[in-house]
Amino acid sequence: MEKTKHILIVDDVTTNLKLAAEVLQGHYKLSMAKSGEQAIQFLQKVKPDLILLDIRMPEMDGYQTLEIIKANPATANIPVVFLTVDDQRESEIKGLKMGAMDFILKPFEPGVMLSRIDKILQIEDLRKNLSISARKDVLTGLWNRKQLEDEVERYLDETGQKAVFIIMDIDNFKQVNDTYGHIMGDAVLECAGKILKNSVGPRDIAARIGGDEFAVFLKGDYSEEEIVEYCEMIIHQLEEDIADVINNKDIVTVSMGIAQVPVDGYDYLSLYTKADKALYFVKQNGKNDFHFFYQREEKEEEEVSETENKNVDMEKLEQFVAERNEAEGAYRVEYEGFKHIYHFVSRGIGRTGQTVQMALFTLNYIKSMGVTPEILHKAMKELERAIIVSLRQGDVTTQYSSFQYVVLLMSASEENAEKVVQRILDTWEEMNEYEGIQLDYAIKQVEARNN
């Protein structure tokens, strides 16, 4: 076994620590702790490959120490071997049930001790390799969607982080499969995977998230110029290398949508949804390009101005402002428009004596029940429909985040607001077909503002 493997030995008796060190030194890197508490403090800073843990220790015994180790996700997978003078079957069963890998009896038999530790470390290496394989895409060697999501969420758990989330899609990929066959299609995907793998640093992550769709998560604070330079490099490299693969430069290009942390979101679903919207905008506007999520919104506003300002008539203006079908009662507006309406209403409340309630609807979901971003997106569409058909004319709603809608209930008392909210809950419950998603809400009366 390589000397780079690191073992922590925990025993309150100095003689036992020395005896264990005499057997293991020269084979492994060793650290010592003389109590369970000292071991826990050590594990907060260093993660060894194996822990040899004495059972009988004062204050905190081996069982209590093991319980704390297993309760911490950061240390739960470190293999633990108990050191004991107790050869009672009950003690061994108790330790194994708690998660210990093995028992080594004192006094130590050097050959037995080395053999058992060697086998346990081999098993642990195999487990790690299998775990890594399960989180990688077989064709490209990139990480898969689950690993990407976990890595993003783990990174964003630390407050104040900045990052860039990019979704990219191979344009005209179906045409490649139809024209050149699926073997050539796989070669294109492998080529894209190689380019993305080489484009990211050791702390970043590149993933294939399905079909011809890829994602990159760049950790850190990047300027817009740096992001643009990165995207241009990827587009150019893909165009050149894939053209060599299929011997045709005109078919395959790539479209990219960009979301940033924290301005566009601070969780995987928010970033995925907004990057996907930016990607969709590129797809609808010629492909072979990239767009930031905020640029998508600005571009849409510019296009509306360019096409409507010159020859706008009142009927078109009303349709644009209302953003609703004739059969629907609520105004569905974009978030910026909702903020303007909120400020206008809050300033007018003092003069009119009107009572306005604001309700926030939140979809809470359980990842372990298989709730994917696609499922949540569909659930949000159902929530939007439930809100629109349940509200009255004059009420206003907008999407607040990737899993929230907010509503302004005009001229509504607290009692009336509760009735409207209950109607929305009942309607959504009838529409919802996904387990693991729950709709919660909060209501607050809008306060009058003087400024």
Protein backbone atom coordinates (compact mmCIF):
# COMPACT_ATOMS: atom_id res chain seq x y z
CA MET A 1 0.00 0.00 0.00
CA GLU A 2 1.28 3.49 -0.87
CA LYS A 3 2.81 5.61 1.89
CA THR A 4 0.52 8.50 0.87
CA LYS A 5 -2.40 6.87 2.69
CA HIS A 6 -3.09 8.70 5.92
CA ILE A 7 -4.24 6.95 9.12
CA LEU A 8 -5.48 8.59 12.32
CA ILE A 9 -4.88 6.49 15.47
CA VAL A 10 -7.10 7.36 18.47
CA ASP A 11 -6.21 5.87 21.86
CA ASP A 12 -5.98 7.36 25.34
CA VAL A 13 -2.98 5.17 26.27
CA THR A 14 0.37 6.50 25.02
CA THR A 15 1.92 3.01 25.00
CA ASN A 16 -0.79 1.75 22.63
CA LEU A 17 -0.20 4.68 20.29
CA LYS A 18 3.51 3.90 20.19
CA LEU A 19 2.92 0.18 19.57
CA ALA A 20 0.53 0.91 16.68
CA ALA A 21 2.97 3.44 15.23
CA GLU A 22 5.82 0.88 15.32
CA VAL A 23 3.74 -1.48 13.18
CA LEU A 24 2.40 1.11 10.71
CA GLN A 25 5.25 3.61 10.31
CA GLY A 26 7.03 3.17 7.01
CA HIS A 27 3.77 2.04 5.42
CA TYR A 28 1.45 5.01 6.03
CA LYS A 29 1.40 8.63 7.07
CA LEU A 30 0.28 8.67 10.74
CA SER A 31 -1.49 11.13 13.04
CA MET A 32 -2.31 10.60 16.73
CA ALA A 33 -5.17 11.65 19.01
CA LYS A 34 -5.43 10.80 22.73
CA SER A 35 -9.20 11.24 23.09
CA GLY A 36 -12.42 11.15 21.11
CA GLU A 37 -12.82 14.90 21.49
CA GLN A 38 -9.31 15.50 20.19
CA ALA A 39 -10.03 13.23 17.22
CA ILE A 40 -13.21 15.15 16.33
CA GLN A 41 -11.29 18.44 16.43
CA PHE A 42 -8.59 16.94 14.19
CA LEU A 43 -11.21 15.77 11.66
CA GLN A 44 -12.52 19.30 11.32
CA LYS A 45 -9.25 20.21 9.61
CA VAL A 46 -7.91 16.96 8.10
CA LYS A 47 -9.67 13.99 6.47
CA PRO A 48 -7.53 10.81 6.79
CA ASP A 49 -8.03 7.68 4.69
CA LEU A 50 -8.67 5.47 7.76
CA ILE A 51 -9.32 5.85 11.49
CA LEU A 52 -8.11 3.33 14.07
CA LEU A 53 -10.35 4.00 17.07
CA ASP A 54 -10.00 2.63 20.60
CA ILE A 55 -13.33 1.66 22.20
CA ARG A 56 -12.53 2.13 25.88
CA MET A 57 -11.68 5.77 26.48
CA PRO A 58 -12.71 8.10 29.34
CA GLU A 59 -15.34 10.86 28.85
CA MET A 60 -16.07 10.02 25.19
CA ASP A 61 -15.67 6.34 24.31
CA GLY A 62 -15.17 4.87 20.85
CA TYR A 63 -18.87 4.27 20.21
CA GLN A 64 -19.73 7.89 21.00
CA THR A 65 -16.87 9.12 18.85
CA LEU A 66 -17.97 6.93 15.94
CA GLU A 67 -21.53 8.23 16.24
CA ILE A 68 -20.31 11.82 15.84
CA ILE A 69 -18.07 10.85 12.90
CA LYS A 70 -20.96 9.14 11.07
CA ALA A 71 -23.36 12.01 11.77
CA ASN A 72 -21.12 14.48 9.91
CA PRO A 73 -21.44 14.21 6.08
CA ALA A 74 -17.85 15.41 5.73
CA THR A 75 -16.47 12.45 7.71
CA ALA A 76 -19.22 9.83 7.43
CA ASN A 77 -17.48 7.86 4.66
CA ILE A 78 -14.08 7.59 6.32
CA PRO A 79 -13.58 3.89 7.20
CA VAL A 80 -13.24 3.23 10.93
CA VAL A 81 -11.61 0.17 12.54
CA PHE A 82 -12.06 -0.39 16.27
CA LEU A 83 -9.07 -1.21 18.50
CA THR A 84 -10.15 -3.24 21.50
CA VAL A 85 -9.18 -5.78 24.13
CA ASP A 86 -12.82 -6.90 24.21
CA ASP A 87 -13.44 -9.99 22.07
CA GLN A 88 -17.10 -10.26 23.09
CA ARG A 89 -19.44 -10.93 20.17
CA GLU A 90 -21.96 -8.33 21.38
CA SER A 91 -19.37 -5.54 21.23
CA GLU A 92 -18.39 -6.50 17.70
CA ILE A 93 -22.02 -6.61 16.51
CA LYS A 94 -22.74 -3.22 18.08
CA GLY A 95 -19.73 -1.64 16.37
CA LEU A 96 -20.52 -3.13 12.96
CA LYS A 97 -24.13 -1.94 13.18
CA MET A 98 -22.88 1.57 13.90
CA GLY A 99 -20.74 1.50 10.75
CA ALA A 100 -17.31 0.22 11.81
CA MET A 101 -15.47 -1.69 9.08
CA ASP A 102 -13.61 -4.14 11.31
CA PHE A 103 -12.09 -4.89 14.76
CA ILE A 104 -8.42 -5.36 15.63
CA LEU A 105 -7.64 -6.93 18.98
CA LYS A 106 -4.92 -5.74 21.34
CA PRO A 107 -2.10 -6.61 21.71
CA PHE A 108 -1.50 -6.06 17.99
CA GLU A 109 -0.32 -8.85 15.71
CA PRO A 110 1.73 -6.84 13.12
CA GLY A 111 0.97 -9.15 10.18
CA VAL A 112 -2.75 -9.32 10.93
CA MET A 113 -2.99 -5.58 11.52
CA LEU A 114 -1.25 -4.66 8.25
CA SER A 115 -3.25 -7.21 6.26
CA ARG A 116 -6.63 -6.00 7.53
CA ILE A 117 -5.81 -2.34 7.03
CA ASP A 118 -4.49 -3.04 3.52
CA LYS A 119 -7.70 -4.87 2.52
CA ILE A 120 -9.96 -2.16 3.98
CA LEU A 121 -8.09 0.59 2.10
CA GLN A 122 -8.32 -1.43 -1.12
CA ILE A 123 -12.09 -1.78 -0.63
CA GLU A 124 -12.36 1.95 0.05
CA ASP A 125 -10.45 2.77 -3.15
CA LEU A 126 -12.81 0.51 -5.10
CA ARG A 127 -15.84 2.19 -3.51
CA LYS A 128 -14.52 5.64 -4.43
CA ASN A 129 -13.85 4.57 -8.02
CA LEU A 130 -17.33 3.10 -8.37
CA SER A 131 -18.84 6.23 -6.86
CA ILE A 132 -16.97 8.42 -9.34
CA SER A 133 -18.00 6.20 -12.26
CA ALA A 134 -21.66 6.47 -11.25
CA ARG A 135 -21.41 10.28 -11.44
CA LYS A 136 -19.82 10.43 -14.89
CA ASP A 137 -21.25 10.33 -18.40
CA VAL A 138 -20.02 7.16 -20.08
CA LEU A 139 -19.70 8.57 -23.60
CA THR A 140 -17.90 11.86 -22.94
CA GLY A 141 -16.25 11.27 -19.57
CA LEU A 142 -17.80 14.50 -18.27
CA TRP A 143 -19.74 14.67 -15.02
CA ASN A 144 -23.46 13.91 -15.27
CA ARG A 145 -26.43 16.10 -14.34
CA LYS A 146 -26.69 14.77 -10.77
CA GLN A 147 -23.04 15.53 -10.03
CA LEU A 148 -23.38 18.98 -11.56
CA GLU A 149 -26.41 19.78 -9.41
CA ASP A 150 -24.74 18.50 -6.24
CA GLU A 151 -21.54 20.43 -6.97
CA VAL A 152 -23.43 23.67 -7.64
CA GLU A 153 -25.54 23.34 -4.49
CA ARG A 154 -22.49 22.44 -2.38
CA TYR A 155 -20.56 25.46 -3.65
CA LEU A 156 -23.47 27.85 -3.19
CA ASP A 157 -24.08 26.69 0.37
CA GLU A 158 -21.17 28.97 1.26
CA THR A 159 -22.61 32.49 1.30
CA GLY A 160 -21.09 35.26 -0.77
CA GLN A 161 -19.91 33.01 -3.59
CA LYS A 162 -19.83 34.14 -7.22
CA ALA A 163 -19.96 31.92 -10.27
CA VAL A 164 -21.07 31.55 -13.89
CA PHE A 165 -23.54 28.88 -15.07
CA ILE A 166 -23.57 28.17 -18.82
CA ILE A 167 -25.87 25.81 -20.71
CA MET A 168 -24.89 24.93 -24.27
CA ASP A 169 -26.66 22.98 -26.95
CA ILE A 170 -25.29 21.47 -30.17
CA ASP A 171 -27.23 23.08 -33.02
CA ASN A 172 -28.66 20.81 -35.73
CA PHE A 173 -27.54 17.67 -33.90
CA LYS A 174 -30.48 15.67 -35.22
CA GLN A 175 -29.34 16.51 -38.72
CA VAL A 176 -25.93 15.00 -37.94
CA ASN A 177 -27.52 11.74 -36.79
CA ASP A 178 -29.89 11.65 -39.77
CA THR A 179 -27.19 12.47 -42.34
CA TYR A 180 -24.10 10.72 -41.00
CA GLY A 181 -25.50 8.15 -38.55
CA HIS A 182 -25.45 7.78 -34.77
CA ILE A 183 -21.83 6.67 -34.65
CA MET A 184 -20.83 10.00 -36.12
CA GLY A 185 -23.27 11.72 -33.74
CA ASP A 186 -21.50 10.08 -30.79
CA ALA A 187 -18.16 11.25 -32.18
CA VAL A 188 -19.49 14.83 -32.24
CA LEU A 189 -20.59 14.54 -28.60
CA GLU A 190 -17.21 13.09 -27.60
CA CYS A 191 -15.47 15.95 -29.38
CA ALA A 192 -17.62 18.52 -27.55
CA GLY A 193 -16.93 16.77 -24.25
CA LYS A 194 -13.17 16.85 -24.81
CA ILE A 195 -13.24 20.57 -25.60
CA LEU A 196 -15.28 21.41 -22.51
CA LYS A 197 -13.13 19.21 -20.27
CA ASN A 198 -10.01 21.03 -21.44
CA SER A 199 -11.67 24.45 -21.10
CA VAL A 200 -12.30 24.36 -17.34
CA GLY A 201 -9.96 24.63 -14.37
CA PRO A 202 -9.52 22.00 -11.64
CA ARG A 203 -12.14 23.59 -9.36
CA ASP A 204 -14.74 24.11 -12.13
CA ILE A 205 -17.10 21.50 -13.53
CA ALA A 206 -18.12 20.55 -17.07
CA ALA A 207 -21.08 18.19 -17.48
CA ARG A 208 -23.24 16.51 -20.07
CA ILE A 209 -26.78 16.96 -18.80
CA GLY A 210 -28.63 15.04 -21.48
CA GLY A 211 -28.64 14.34 -25.23
CA ASP A 212 -26.69 17.11 -26.95
CA GLU A 213 -26.99 19.49 -24.00
CA PHE A 214 -23.95 20.40 -21.89
CA ALA A 215 -23.27 22.72 -18.96
CA VAL A 216 -20.27 24.45 -17.44
CA PHE A 217 -20.06 25.87 -13.91
CA LEU A 218 -17.20 28.32 -13.46
CA LYS A 219 -16.50 29.12 -9.82
CA GLY A 220 -15.31 32.60 -8.95
CA ASP A 221 -15.78 36.24 -9.89
CA TYR A 222 -15.58 36.66 -13.66
CA SER A 223 -16.03 39.93 -15.52
CA GLU A 224 -18.42 40.08 -18.46
CA GLU A 225 -15.46 40.45 -20.79
CA GLU A 226 -13.91 37.24 -19.44
CA ILE A 227 -17.17 35.33 -19.86
CA VAL A 228 -17.57 36.62 -23.42
CA GLU A 229 -13.99 35.59 -24.22
CA TYR A 230 -14.62 32.10 -22.82
CA CYS A 231 -17.84 31.61 -24.81
CA GLU A 232 -16.26 32.85 -28.02
CA MET A 233 -13.38 30.45 -27.51
CA ILE A 234 -15.75 27.49 -27.01
CA ILE A 235 -17.83 28.39 -30.08
CA HIS A 236 -14.74 28.75 -32.27
CA GLN A 237 -13.10 25.57 -30.97
CA LEU A 238 -16.26 23.51 -31.41
CA GLU A 239 -16.77 24.82 -34.92
CA GLU A 240 -13.21 23.93 -35.92
CA ASP A 241 -12.92 20.54 -34.24
CA ILE A 242 -16.39 19.23 -35.09
CA ALA A 243 -15.91 20.30 -38.69
CA ASP A 244 -12.86 18.02 -38.75
CA VAL A 245 -14.93 15.16 -37.33
CA ILE A 246 -17.74 15.29 -39.89
CA ASN A 247 -15.78 17.05 -42.66
CA ASN A 248 -18.44 19.76 -42.90
CA LYS A 249 -18.19 23.24 -41.35
CA ASP A 250 -21.70 24.41 -42.15
CA ILE A 251 -23.92 22.02 -40.17
CA VAL A 252 -22.82 21.96 -36.54
CA THR A 253 -22.66 25.08 -34.36
CA VAL A 254 -23.34 25.70 -30.67
CA SER A 255 -25.77 27.95 -28.79
CA MET A 256 -25.12 29.06 -25.20
CA GLY A 257 -27.20 30.62 -22.41
CA ILE A 258 -25.53 32.28 -19.43
CA ALA A 259 -26.71 32.89 -15.86
CA GLN A 260 -24.58 34.46 -13.12
CA VAL A 261 -24.35 34.07 -9.36
CA PRO A 262 -25.72 35.86 -7.42
CA VAL A 263 -27.56 38.27 -9.77
CA ASP A 264 -29.56 35.57 -11.57
CA GLY A 265 -30.03 33.14 -8.70
CA TYR A 266 -28.41 31.38 -5.81
CA ASP A 267 -29.48 27.77 -6.34
CA TYR A 268 -29.21 25.21 -9.13
CA LEU A 269 -32.82 25.42 -10.27
CA SER A 270 -32.80 29.21 -10.57
CA LEU A 271 -29.56 29.20 -12.53
CA TYR A 272 -30.64 26.33 -14.78
CA THR A 273 -34.00 27.96 -15.54
CA LYS A 274 -32.52 31.35 -16.41
CA ALA A 275 -29.63 29.98 -18.43
CA ASP A 276 -32.14 27.80 -20.28
CA LYS A 277 -34.27 30.87 -21.10
CA ALA A 278 -31.20 32.67 -22.42
CA LEU A 279 -30.33 29.58 -24.49
CA TYR A 280 -33.88 29.46 -25.88
CA PHE A 281 -33.55 33.10 -26.93
CA VAL A 282 -30.39 32.25 -28.90
CA LYS A 283 -32.15 29.30 -30.55
CA GLN A 284 -34.99 31.56 -31.64
CA ASN A 285 -32.65 34.22 -33.02
CA GLY A 286 -30.31 32.45 -35.40
CA LYS A 287 -28.37 30.02 -33.18
CA ASN A 288 -24.55 29.86 -33.07
CA ASP A 289 -24.27 32.56 -30.41
CA PHE A 290 -24.41 33.15 -26.65
CA HIS A 291 -26.54 35.39 -24.48
CA PHE A 292 -26.63 36.49 -20.87
CA PHE A 293 -30.01 36.13 -19.19
CA TYR A 294 -30.28 39.87 -18.51
CA GLN A 295 -29.40 40.61 -22.15
CA ARG A 296 -32.29 38.41 -23.25
CA GLU A 297 -34.71 40.62 -21.34
CA GLU A 298 -33.14 43.83 -22.65
CA LYS A 299 -33.20 42.52 -26.22
CA GLU A 300 -36.87 41.61 -25.96
CA GLU A 301 -37.67 45.12 -24.71
CA GLU A 302 -35.70 46.65 -27.60
CA GLU A 303 -37.51 44.50 -30.15
CA VAL A 304 -40.90 45.48 -28.75
CA SER A 305 -39.93 49.15 -29.01
CA GLU A 306 -38.61 48.81 -32.55
CA THR A 307 -41.67 46.98 -33.87
CA GLU A 308 -44.44 48.67 -31.93
CA ASN A 309 -43.47 52.31 -31.36
CA LYS A 310 -43.84 53.58 -34.92
CA ASN A 311 -47.32 52.36 -35.80
CA VAL A 312 -48.83 51.33 -32.50
CA ASP A 313 -52.61 51.56 -32.13
CA MET A 314 -54.65 51.43 -28.94
CA GLU A 315 -55.85 47.85 -29.42
CA LYS A 316 -52.31 46.49 -29.69
CA LEU A 317 -51.17 48.64 -26.79
CA GLU A 318 -53.94 47.28 -24.55
CA GLN A 319 -53.07 43.71 -25.47
CA PHE A 320 -49.39 44.30 -24.75
CA VAL A 321 -49.92 45.99 -21.37
CA ALA A 322 -52.56 43.56 -20.14
CA GLU A 323 -50.67 40.42 -21.18
CA ARG A 324 -53.74 38.24 -20.74
CA ASN A 325 -56.34 36.35 -22.75
CA GLU A 326 -59.91 37.59 -22.81
CA ALA A 327 -61.05 34.55 -20.85
CA GLU A 328 -58.61 35.19 -18.02
CA GLY A 329 -59.20 37.55 -15.14
CA ALA A 330 -55.70 38.36 -13.81
CA TYR A 331 -52.98 40.54 -15.26
CA ARG A 332 -49.86 38.44 -15.86
CA VAL A 333 -46.87 40.80 -16.07
CA GLU A 334 -43.11 40.50 -16.00
CA TYR A 335 -41.33 41.09 -12.71
CA GLU A 336 -40.13 44.63 -13.43
CA GLY A 337 -43.64 45.63 -14.44
CA PHE A 338 -44.99 44.08 -11.25
CA LYS A 339 -42.64 46.20 -9.16
CA HIS A 340 -43.87 49.38 -10.87
CA ILE A 341 -47.49 48.38 -10.22
CA TYR A 342 -46.70 47.58 -6.58
CA HIS A 343 -45.11 51.00 -5.99
CA PHE A 344 -47.99 52.76 -7.79
CA VAL A 345 -50.59 50.89 -5.70
CA SER A 346 -48.76 51.45 -2.39
CA ARG A 347 -48.61 55.20 -3.06
CA GLY A 348 -52.32 55.34 -3.91
CA ILE A 349 -53.58 53.34 -0.92
CA GLY A 350 -53.31 56.30 1.45
CA ARG A 351 -55.50 58.49 -0.76
CA THR A 352 -58.17 55.93 -1.72
CA GLY A 353 -58.45 53.93 1.49
CA GLN A 354 -58.19 50.76 -0.59
CA THR A 355 -57.01 47.49 1.03
CA VAL A 356 -54.56 45.44 -1.01
CA GLN A 357 -53.11 42.07 -0.03
CA MET A 358 -49.93 40.50 -1.38
CA ALA A 359 -49.60 36.69 -1.47
CA LEU A 360 -46.43 34.71 -2.14
CA PHE A 361 -46.78 31.11 -3.39
CA THR A 362 -43.80 28.79 -3.04
CA LEU A 363 -43.31 25.30 -4.46
CA ASN A 364 -41.35 23.27 -1.93
CA TYR A 365 -39.89 20.10 -3.36
CA ILE A 366 -38.05 16.98 -2.20
CA LYS A 367 -35.04 16.08 -4.37
CA SER A 368 -34.95 12.52 -3.12
CA MET A 369 -38.39 11.91 -4.65
CA GLY A 370 -37.06 12.57 -8.13
CA VAL A 371 -38.13 16.19 -8.59
CA THR A 372 -36.00 17.37 -11.52
CA PRO A 373 -35.74 20.91 -12.94
CA GLU A 374 -38.00 19.82 -15.80
CA ILE A 375 -40.69 18.58 -13.40
CA LEU A 376 -40.46 21.76 -11.32
CA HIS A 377 -40.78 23.84 -14.49
CA LYS A 378 -43.98 21.98 -15.42
CA ALA A 379 -45.31 22.38 -11.89
CA MET A 380 -44.65 26.12 -12.13
CA LYS A 381 -46.67 26.26 -15.35
CA GLU A 382 -49.54 24.53 -13.56
CA LEU A 383 -49.24 27.00 -10.67
CA GLU A 384 -49.33 29.92 -13.11
CA ARG A 385 -52.49 28.54 -14.71
CA ALA A 386 -54.11 27.89 -11.32
CA ILE A 387 -53.41 31.48 -10.26
CA ILE A 388 -54.68 33.06 -13.46
CA VAL A 389 -57.97 31.15 -13.57
CA SER A 390 -58.58 31.68 -9.84
CA LEU A 391 -57.96 35.43 -9.62
CA ARG A 392 -60.40 38.22 -10.34
CA GLN A 393 -60.13 40.89 -12.99
CA GLY A 394 -57.78 43.59 -11.78
CA ASP A 395 -55.54 41.30 -9.71
CA VAL A 396 -51.89 41.14 -10.76
CA THR A 397 -49.39 38.27 -10.75
CA THR A 398 -45.81 37.60 -11.78
CA GLN A 399 -43.19 34.89 -11.45
CA TYR A 400 -40.89 35.87 -8.56
CA SER A 401 -38.31 33.06 -8.86
CA SER A 402 -37.92 29.65 -10.46
CA PHE A 403 -40.23 28.20 -7.79
CA GLN A 404 -42.34 31.18 -6.64
CA TYR A 405 -45.24 33.34 -7.84
CA VAL A 406 -46.41 36.55 -6.21
CA VAL A 407 -49.92 38.04 -6.44
CA LEU A 408 -51.45 41.45 -5.70
CA LEU A 409 -55.10 41.08 -4.61
CA MET A 410 -56.71 44.44 -5.26
CA SER A 411 -59.50 45.76 -2.99
CA ALA A 412 -59.29 42.62 -0.86
CA SER A 413 -59.74 42.25 2.89
CA GLU A 414 -57.72 39.67 4.79
CA GLU A 415 -60.75 37.36 4.82
CA ASN A 416 -61.31 37.74 1.07
CA ALA A 417 -57.62 37.16 0.41
CA GLU A 418 -57.72 33.88 2.33
CA LYS A 419 -60.66 32.73 0.19
CA VAL A 420 -58.86 33.58 -3.06
CA VAL A 421 -55.69 31.85 -1.87
CA GLN A 422 -57.65 28.76 -0.91
CA ARG A 423 -59.21 28.72 -4.38
CA ILE A 424 -55.72 28.80 -5.90
CA LEU A 425 -54.53 26.00 -3.61
CA ASP A 426 -57.54 23.82 -4.50
CA THR A 427 -57.13 24.46 -8.23
CA TRP A 428 -53.42 23.70 -8.15
CA GLU A 429 -54.02 20.54 -6.14
CA GLU A 430 -56.36 19.29 -8.85
CA MET A 431 -53.78 20.05 -11.55
CA ASN A 432 -50.68 18.80 -9.75
CA GLU A 433 -49.66 15.25 -10.60
CA TYR A 434 -46.17 15.20 -9.11
CA GLU A 435 -45.32 13.64 -5.77
CA GLY A 436 -42.70 15.42 -3.72
CA ILE A 437 -43.96 18.96 -4.52
CA GLN A 438 -45.96 20.99 -2.01
CA LEU A 439 -47.48 24.45 -2.45
CA ASP A 440 -47.11 26.85 0.49
CA TYR A 441 -48.13 30.49 0.79
CA ALA A 442 -47.82 33.65 2.87
CA ILE A 443 -50.09 36.75 2.89
CA LYS A 444 -49.25 40.31 3.90
CA GLN A 445 -51.25 43.53 3.58
CA VAL A 446 -49.60 46.15 1.39
CA GLU A 447 -48.74 49.22 3.42
CA ALA A 448 -49.30 52.78 2.22
CA ARG A 449 -46.25 54.75 1.13
CA ASN A 450 -45.89 58.53 0.97
CA ASN A 451 -42.94 58.68 -1.42
